[in-house]
């Protein structure tokens, strides 16, 4: 059986990329197809002896830096449709935007692991909210009406592409509902996993800072955590990279540190020393909350999306109902980390195992 793997791009180091790397480890002979890849990712896969095939977008000037803007010109769909998968029996795409837009022959099975239907066109209101425009900011000189027409066309293209997928896998029940709503397709839920063994022997320690670990983009609403901790003069550490980095630094009071990328070497130590993780965004699932729980620490999360499937309220964390700094501050002001059992947190994280993920993926590949 010949198998190929496809992903949107290889630029960031996040949950979606972790799934791609796991799929590549499960099927080491499978070539990996993507639109654009950074040198760090190419080197990482090269060291493993993997083959990475990149689209024509890689030849564009500043391809990695400008990659997210190409979708405004419909180039990603063209890039993925340009790949030839005629020699493969199975293709697994890992998609949150365009990877599932590939074209396969009728005898090739296309399995799509969907992290989320593309937010840029299915949840586009967030890109126009408060004139921020998100990834469309460079095109704000165009009218909102014109941009919305373009996004309407992308929704049609995306819907049609989704009809060519043979099997959809959703990373959460929240994503499953989106697949049903936007694509009119059914899906199986296979949650992402954590490498629990990396945290198994990690014992929680007590320091007084709250923690945020995420990509620093406007839609992640990290400003909610910064403003809440500003108001209460609480210590907060924010780890991540992204376009919102400088803005968040400018908002931070002396009790708040806005730091860069949190590497794997320091991750466990930073997490076990925090008071709790704060999740301000609506995530379709979220790996970081599981990693923090694996370190024996609770999570305070905005009550929406995939965290509802991973956090037990009152046992492994708490929720705040509105995505505002005032609502979060109400929870933070009365939060007592001693209320939460490290053993309960670790046990909950342990249930999202790597072995179960592998078993379920292999089952669907063989069917």
Protein backbone atom coordinates (compact mmCIF):
# COMPACT_ATOMS: atom_id res chain seq x y z
CA UNK A 1 0.00 0.00 0.00
CA UNK A 2 1.39 3.38 -1.04
CA UNK A 3 0.46 6.26 1.24
CA UNK A 4 1.05 10.04 1.14
CA UNK A 5 0.55 12.77 3.74
CA UNK A 6 -0.59 16.34 3.01
CA UNK A 7 -0.67 19.40 5.27
CA UNK A 8 -1.50 23.09 4.87
CA UNK A 9 2.05 24.33 5.45
CA UNK A 10 5.08 23.76 7.65
CA UNK A 11 5.89 27.10 9.25
CA UNK A 12 4.72 27.18 12.86
CA UNK A 13 5.23 24.67 15.67
CA UNK A 14 1.71 23.97 16.93
CA UNK A 15 -0.85 21.26 17.49
CA UNK A 16 -1.59 20.73 13.79
CA UNK A 17 2.10 20.32 13.02
CA UNK A 18 2.41 17.83 15.87
CA UNK A 19 -0.27 15.68 14.22
CA UNK A 20 1.55 15.86 10.88
CA UNK A 21 4.81 14.82 12.50
CA UNK A 22 3.10 11.91 14.24
CA UNK A 23 1.53 10.73 10.97
CA UNK A 24 4.95 10.91 9.35
CA UNK A 25 6.45 8.86 12.19
CA UNK A 26 3.65 6.29 11.81
CA UNK A 27 4.23 6.05 8.05
CA UNK A 28 7.93 6.90 7.56
CA UNK A 29 7.96 5.89 3.89
CA UNK A 30 5.12 8.27 3.03
CA UNK A 31 6.18 11.47 1.24
CA UNK A 32 4.83 14.69 2.74
CA UNK A 33 3.20 17.29 0.50
CA UNK A 34 2.68 20.90 1.57
CA UNK A 35 2.25 24.41 0.16
CA UNK A 36 5.21 26.15 1.86
CA UNK A 37 7.83 25.00 4.37
CA UNK A 38 10.35 26.81 6.55
CA UNK A 39 14.00 25.80 6.66
CA UNK A 40 13.60 24.60 10.25
CA UNK A 41 10.89 22.13 9.27
CA UNK A 42 12.74 20.97 6.16
CA UNK A 43 15.82 20.29 8.26
CA UNK A 44 13.75 18.51 10.92
CA UNK A 45 12.23 16.10 8.39
CA UNK A 46 15.51 15.74 6.50
CA UNK A 47 17.18 14.50 9.69
CA UNK A 48 14.52 11.78 9.85
CA UNK A 49 15.11 10.82 6.22
CA UNK A 50 11.66 11.97 5.11
CA UNK A 51 10.72 13.27 1.67
CA UNK A 52 8.99 16.67 1.61
CA UNK A 53 7.43 17.88 -1.64
CA UNK A 54 6.57 21.57 -1.77
CA UNK A 55 4.25 23.45 -4.12
CA UNK A 56 5.13 26.25 -6.54
CA UNK A 57 4.32 28.78 -3.79
CA UNK A 58 7.73 28.06 -2.23
CA UNK A 59 9.33 29.82 -5.21
CA UNK A 60 7.50 33.07 -4.50
CA UNK A 61 9.48 35.91 -2.85
CA UNK A 62 9.26 35.76 0.95
CA UNK A 63 7.15 32.61 0.59
CA UNK A 64 7.15 31.67 4.28
CA UNK A 65 6.54 35.19 5.58
CA UNK A 66 3.74 36.00 3.13
CA UNK A 67 2.15 32.55 2.93
CA UNK A 68 -1.05 33.41 4.79
CA UNK A 69 -1.85 36.20 2.30
CA UNK A 70 -1.76 33.97 -0.78
CA UNK A 71 -5.18 32.59 0.10
CA UNK A 72 -6.66 36.02 -0.67
CA UNK A 73 -5.67 35.37 -4.29
CA UNK A 74 -6.95 31.75 -4.30
CA UNK A 75 -3.40 30.43 -4.77
CA UNK A 76 -3.53 27.72 -2.11
CA UNK A 77 -6.31 25.85 -3.86
CA UNK A 78 -4.28 25.91 -7.08
CA UNK A 79 -1.20 24.75 -5.19
CA UNK A 80 -2.87 21.69 -3.68
CA UNK A 81 -4.74 20.82 -6.87
CA UNK A 82 -1.39 20.82 -8.72
CA UNK A 83 -0.08 17.79 -6.79
CA UNK A 84 -0.31 14.39 -8.48
CA UNK A 85 -1.44 11.54 -6.21
CA UNK A 86 -2.25 9.02 -8.94
CA UNK A 87 0.34 6.50 -7.68
CA UNK A 88 -1.02 6.36 -4.12
CA UNK A 89 -3.61 4.05 -2.57
CA UNK A 90 -4.28 6.27 0.46
CA UNK A 91 -3.73 9.98 1.09
CA UNK A 92 -4.09 11.49 4.56
CA UNK A 93 -4.55 15.26 4.66
CA UNK A 94 -4.19 17.30 7.84
CA UNK A 95 -6.24 20.42 7.23
CA UNK A 96 -7.46 23.61 8.82
CA UNK A 97 -7.49 25.52 5.54
CA UNK A 98 -6.67 24.08 2.13
CA UNK A 99 -4.87 20.72 2.40
CA UNK A 100 -8.09 18.79 1.73
CA UNK A 101 -8.42 20.59 -1.63
CA UNK A 102 -6.21 17.96 -3.26
CA UNK A 103 -7.58 15.95 -6.17
CA UNK A 104 -7.30 12.15 -6.06
CA UNK A 105 -8.41 9.49 -8.50
CA UNK A 106 -11.52 7.41 -7.68
CA UNK A 107 -9.46 4.42 -6.51
CA UNK A 108 -7.41 6.50 -4.05
CA UNK A 109 -8.81 6.81 -0.54
CA UNK A 110 -8.64 10.36 0.83
CA UNK A 111 -8.78 10.60 4.63
CA UNK A 112 -8.89 14.13 6.04
CA UNK A 113 -7.95 14.88 9.65
CA UNK A 114 -9.78 18.18 10.10
CA UNK A 115 -8.55 20.56 12.80
CA UNK A 116 -11.20 23.10 11.81
CA UNK A 117 -12.88 24.22 8.61
CA UNK A 118 -11.00 27.36 7.54
CA UNK A 119 -11.86 30.14 9.96
CA UNK A 120 -10.84 32.78 7.45
CA UNK A 121 -13.87 32.08 5.30
CA UNK A 122 -16.34 30.19 7.51
CA UNK A 123 -15.90 32.48 10.53
CA UNK A 124 -14.87 35.58 8.62
CA UNK A 125 -16.70 38.02 10.88
CA UNK A 126 -13.80 37.77 13.33
CA UNK A 127 -11.49 39.20 10.66
CA UNK A 128 -13.64 42.31 10.23
CA UNK A 129 -14.40 42.83 13.91
CA UNK A 130 -13.29 46.21 15.23
CA UNK A 131 -11.55 47.00 11.94
CA UNK A 132 -8.71 44.56 12.73
CA UNK A 133 -9.16 42.58 9.50
CA UNK A 134 -6.81 39.77 10.66
CA UNK A 135 -4.94 38.23 7.74
CA UNK A 136 -6.83 40.58 5.39
CA UNK A 137 -5.30 43.70 6.97
CA UNK A 138 -3.00 44.46 3.98
CA UNK A 139 -6.11 44.54 1.78
CA UNK A 140 -8.15 46.87 4.00
CA UNK A 141 -8.06 49.53 1.28
CA UNK A 142 -10.62 47.36 -0.50
CA UNK A 143 -14.18 47.63 0.67
CA UNK A 144 -15.51 45.13 3.17
CA UNK A 145 -18.20 44.24 0.65
CA UNK A 146 -15.62 43.24 -1.94
CA UNK A 147 -13.63 41.20 0.57
CA UNK A 148 -16.76 39.42 1.75
CA UNK A 149 -17.63 38.56 -1.85
CA UNK A 150 -14.17 37.02 -2.26
CA UNK A 151 -14.62 35.02 0.93
CA UNK A 152 -18.03 33.87 -0.29
CA UNK A 153 -16.33 32.43 -3.37
CA UNK A 154 -13.75 30.69 -1.15
CA UNK A 155 -16.56 29.10 0.86
CA UNK A 156 -18.03 27.65 -2.34
CA UNK A 157 -14.63 26.31 -3.42
CA UNK A 158 -14.01 24.87 0.05
CA UNK A 159 -17.43 23.21 0.23
CA UNK A 160 -16.92 21.57 -3.18
CA UNK A 161 -13.46 20.34 -2.18
CA UNK A 162 -14.87 18.78 0.99
CA UNK A 163 -17.25 16.63 -1.07
CA UNK A 164 -14.24 14.83 -2.58
CA UNK A 165 -12.97 13.60 0.81
CA UNK A 166 -13.78 9.93 1.45
CA UNK A 167 -13.43 9.94 5.25
CA UNK A 168 -13.43 12.93 7.60
CA UNK A 169 -11.82 12.75 11.04
CA UNK A 170 -12.66 15.58 13.45
CA UNK A 171 -10.25 16.52 16.22
CA UNK A 172 -13.18 17.22 18.58
CA UNK A 173 -16.95 17.21 18.86
CA UNK A 174 -16.84 20.96 18.24
CA UNK A 175 -15.10 20.38 14.91
CA UNK A 176 -17.46 17.50 14.09
CA UNK A 177 -20.39 19.90 14.41
CA UNK A 178 -18.65 22.40 12.10
CA UNK A 179 -18.02 19.71 9.48
CA UNK A 180 -21.70 18.79 9.59
CA UNK A 181 -22.81 22.41 9.37
CA UNK A 182 -20.42 23.75 6.73
CA UNK A 183 -19.76 20.66 4.59
CA UNK A 184 -22.89 18.54 5.23
CA UNK A 185 -20.57 15.61 5.96
CA UNK A 186 -20.31 13.13 8.81
CA UNK A 187 -17.02 12.50 10.61
CA UNK A 188 -15.40 10.38 13.29
CA UNK A 189 -13.85 12.06 16.31
CA UNK A 190 -10.24 11.17 17.12
CA UNK A 191 -8.83 13.60 19.66
CA UNK A 192 -5.24 14.79 19.42
CA UNK A 193 -2.88 13.33 21.98
CA UNK A 194 -0.06 14.32 24.26
CA UNK A 195 3.17 12.45 24.87
CA UNK A 196 2.26 11.72 28.46
CA UNK A 197 5.59 10.04 29.14
CA UNK A 198 7.24 13.47 28.72
CA UNK A 199 5.29 14.66 31.78
CA UNK A 200 4.76 11.40 33.70
CA UNK A 201 7.48 12.08 36.26
CA UNK A 202 6.87 15.83 36.46
CA UNK A 203 5.77 16.91 39.93
CA UNK A 204 3.86 20.18 40.28
CA UNK A 205 5.61 23.00 42.11
CA UNK A 206 4.13 26.17 43.50
CA UNK A 207 4.84 29.61 42.08
CA UNK A 208 2.34 32.41 41.81
CA UNK A 209 2.23 33.23 38.10
CA UNK A 210 -0.58 32.48 35.70
CA UNK A 211 0.38 31.17 32.28
CA UNK A 212 -0.62 31.65 28.64
CA UNK A 213 0.95 29.52 25.89
CA UNK A 214 -0.42 30.09 22.40
CA UNK A 215 0.17 31.69 19.04
CA UNK A 216 -0.04 35.45 19.53
CA UNK A 217 -2.68 36.36 16.96
CA UNK A 218 -5.59 38.80 17.45
CA UNK A 219 -8.27 36.10 17.28
CA UNK A 220 -6.61 34.27 20.19
CA UNK A 221 -7.71 37.18 22.44
CA UNK A 222 -4.66 37.02 24.71
CA UNK A 223 -5.37 40.69 25.43
CA UNK A 224 -8.26 39.47 27.63
CA UNK A 225 -5.79 37.72 29.95
CA UNK A 226 -3.35 40.64 29.88
CA UNK A 227 -6.03 43.20 30.74
CA UNK A 228 -7.51 41.01 33.51
CA UNK A 229 -4.12 40.50 35.14
CA UNK A 230 -3.33 44.19 34.69
CA UNK A 231 -6.48 45.13 36.59
CA UNK A 232 -5.79 42.69 39.44
CA UNK A 233 -2.00 43.25 39.42
CA UNK A 234 -1.46 39.51 39.05
CA UNK A 235 1.73 37.95 37.68
CA UNK A 236 1.29 36.51 34.19
CA UNK A 237 3.71 34.90 31.75
CA UNK A 238 2.73 34.87 28.08
CA UNK A 239 4.67 32.52 25.80
CA UNK A 240 4.28 32.55 22.03
CA UNK A 241 5.09 34.18 18.73
CA UNK A 242 2.90 35.92 16.19
CA UNK A 243 1.64 39.22 14.81
CA UNK A 244 0.16 40.36 18.15
CA UNK A 245 3.46 40.10 20.06
CA UNK A 246 4.38 43.80 20.13
CA UNK A 247 0.84 44.98 20.84
CA UNK A 248 0.57 42.65 23.83
CA UNK A 249 3.93 43.84 25.15
CA UNK A 250 2.69 47.42 24.98
CA UNK A 251 -0.41 46.48 27.00
CA UNK A 252 1.51 44.63 29.71
CA UNK A 253 2.03 46.11 33.17
CA UNK A 254 5.18 45.37 35.24
CA UNK A 255 3.60 42.16 36.61
CA UNK A 256 3.25 40.69 33.12
CA UNK A 257 5.98 39.17 30.93
CA UNK A 258 5.35 38.66 27.22
CA UNK A 259 7.96 36.12 26.17
CA UNK A 260 8.80 34.28 22.98
CA UNK A 261 8.46 30.68 21.88
CA UNK A 262 8.36 28.09 24.68
CA UNK A 263 10.66 25.26 23.62
CA UNK A 264 10.19 21.62 24.56
CA UNK A 265 13.21 21.68 26.86
CA UNK A 266 11.71 24.30 29.19
CA UNK A 267 8.02 23.48 28.71
CA UNK A 268 7.49 21.05 31.59
CA UNK A 269 9.33 23.25 34.09
CA UNK A 270 7.36 26.37 33.12
CA UNK A 271 4.05 24.49 33.26
CA UNK A 272 4.57 22.73 36.57
CA UNK A 273 5.54 26.00 38.25
CA UNK A 274 2.49 27.98 37.13
CA UNK A 275 -0.59 28.61 39.23
CA UNK A 276 -2.88 27.76 36.30
CA UNK A 277 -3.05 28.00 32.53
CA UNK A 278 -5.38 30.65 31.06
CA UNK A 279 -7.08 29.89 27.72
CA UNK A 280 -8.81 32.95 26.26
CA UNK A 281 -9.59 31.73 22.74
CA UNK A 282 -12.28 29.46 21.36
CA UNK A 283 -10.19 26.47 20.32
CA UNK A 284 -11.46 23.53 18.34
CA UNK A 285 -9.52 21.33 20.74
CA UNK A 286 -6.23 22.45 22.29
CA UNK A 287 -3.14 20.45 23.24
CA UNK A 288 -1.62 22.93 25.71
CA UNK A 289 -4.38 22.50 28.34
CA UNK A 290 -3.70 18.75 28.35
CA UNK A 291 0.05 19.32 28.76
CA UNK A 292 -0.53 21.63 31.72
CA UNK A 293 -2.90 19.12 33.32
CA UNK A 294 -0.25 16.43 32.73
CA UNK A 295 2.01 18.57 34.93
CA UNK A 296 -0.65 18.47 37.65
CA UNK A 297 -1.94 22.01 37.18
CA UNK A 298 -5.50 23.27 36.48
CA UNK A 299 -6.79 25.31 33.53
CA UNK A 300 -8.97 28.44 33.44
CA UNK A 301 -10.64 28.57 30.02
CA UNK A 302 -13.18 30.50 28.00
CA UNK A 303 -16.27 28.29 28.01
CA UNK A 304 -16.46 27.39 24.33
CA UNK A 305 -15.09 24.88 21.84
CA UNK A 306 -12.92 21.86 22.50
CA UNK A 307 -11.94 22.68 26.09
CA UNK A 308 -15.44 21.56 27.08
CA UNK A 309 -14.30 18.03 26.14
CA UNK A 310 -11.01 18.07 28.04
CA UNK A 311 -11.60 20.09 31.22
CA UNK A 312 -13.79 18.91 34.10
CA UNK A 313 -15.15 22.05 35.76
CA UNK A 314 -14.37 22.16 39.47
CA UNK A 315 -12.00 19.20 39.19
CA UNK A 316 -9.32 20.03 36.60
CA UNK A 317 -10.14 23.70 36.04
CA UNK A 318 -12.71 26.45 35.72
CA UNK A 319 -14.53 28.27 32.92
CA UNK A 320 -15.43 31.91 32.33
CA UNK A 321 -18.58 32.54 30.32
CA UNK A 322 -17.78 35.70 28.39
CA UNK A 323 -14.65 36.52 26.40
CA UNK A 324 -13.99 39.69 28.38
CA UNK A 325 -11.33 40.78 30.85
CA UNK A 326 -13.97 41.57 33.50
CA UNK A 327 -15.45 38.08 33.33
CA UNK A 328 -12.01 36.47 33.52
CA UNK A 329 -10.99 38.78 36.38
CA UNK A 330 -13.98 37.58 38.41
CA UNK A 331 -12.70 34.01 38.16
CA UNK A 332 -9.06 34.94 38.82
CA UNK A 333 -9.89 36.99 41.91
CA UNK A 334 -11.36 33.97 43.70
CA UNK A 335 -9.18 31.25 42.18
CA UNK A 336 -7.50 28.87 44.65
CA UNK A 337 -5.09 26.39 43.08
CA UNK A 338 -5.19 24.20 46.21
CA UNK A 339 -8.76 23.23 45.31
CA UNK A 340 -7.54 21.10 42.40
CA UNK A 341 -5.91 17.72 42.87
CA UNK A 342 -2.71 17.26 40.82
CA UNK A 343 -3.58 13.55 40.57
CA UNK A 344 -6.97 14.36 39.01
CA UNK A 345 -5.35 16.72 36.51
CA UNK A 346 -2.72 14.17 35.51
CA UNK A 347 -5.25 11.37 35.21
CA UNK A 348 -7.44 13.44 32.89
CA UNK A 349 -4.49 14.27 30.63
CA UNK A 350 -3.45 10.63 30.55
CA UNK A 351 -6.73 9.63 28.87
CA UNK A 352 -5.66 11.38 25.64
CA UNK A 353 -3.07 8.79 24.71
CA UNK A 354 -0.78 8.51 21.73
CA UNK A 355 -1.39 4.77 21.41
CA UNK A 356 -5.16 5.25 21.03
CA UNK A 357 -4.62 7.90 18.35
CA UNK A 358 -2.32 5.59 16.40
CA UNK A 359 -4.70 2.63 16.67
CA UNK A 360 -7.69 4.63 15.39
CA UNK A 361 -5.80 6.17 12.46
CA UNK A 362 -4.49 2.76 11.38
CA UNK A 363 -8.00 1.32 11.61
CA UNK A 364 -9.37 3.91 9.20
CA UNK A 365 -6.45 3.54 6.81
CA UNK A 366 -7.07 -0.21 6.54
CA UNK A 367 -10.85 -0.03 6.11
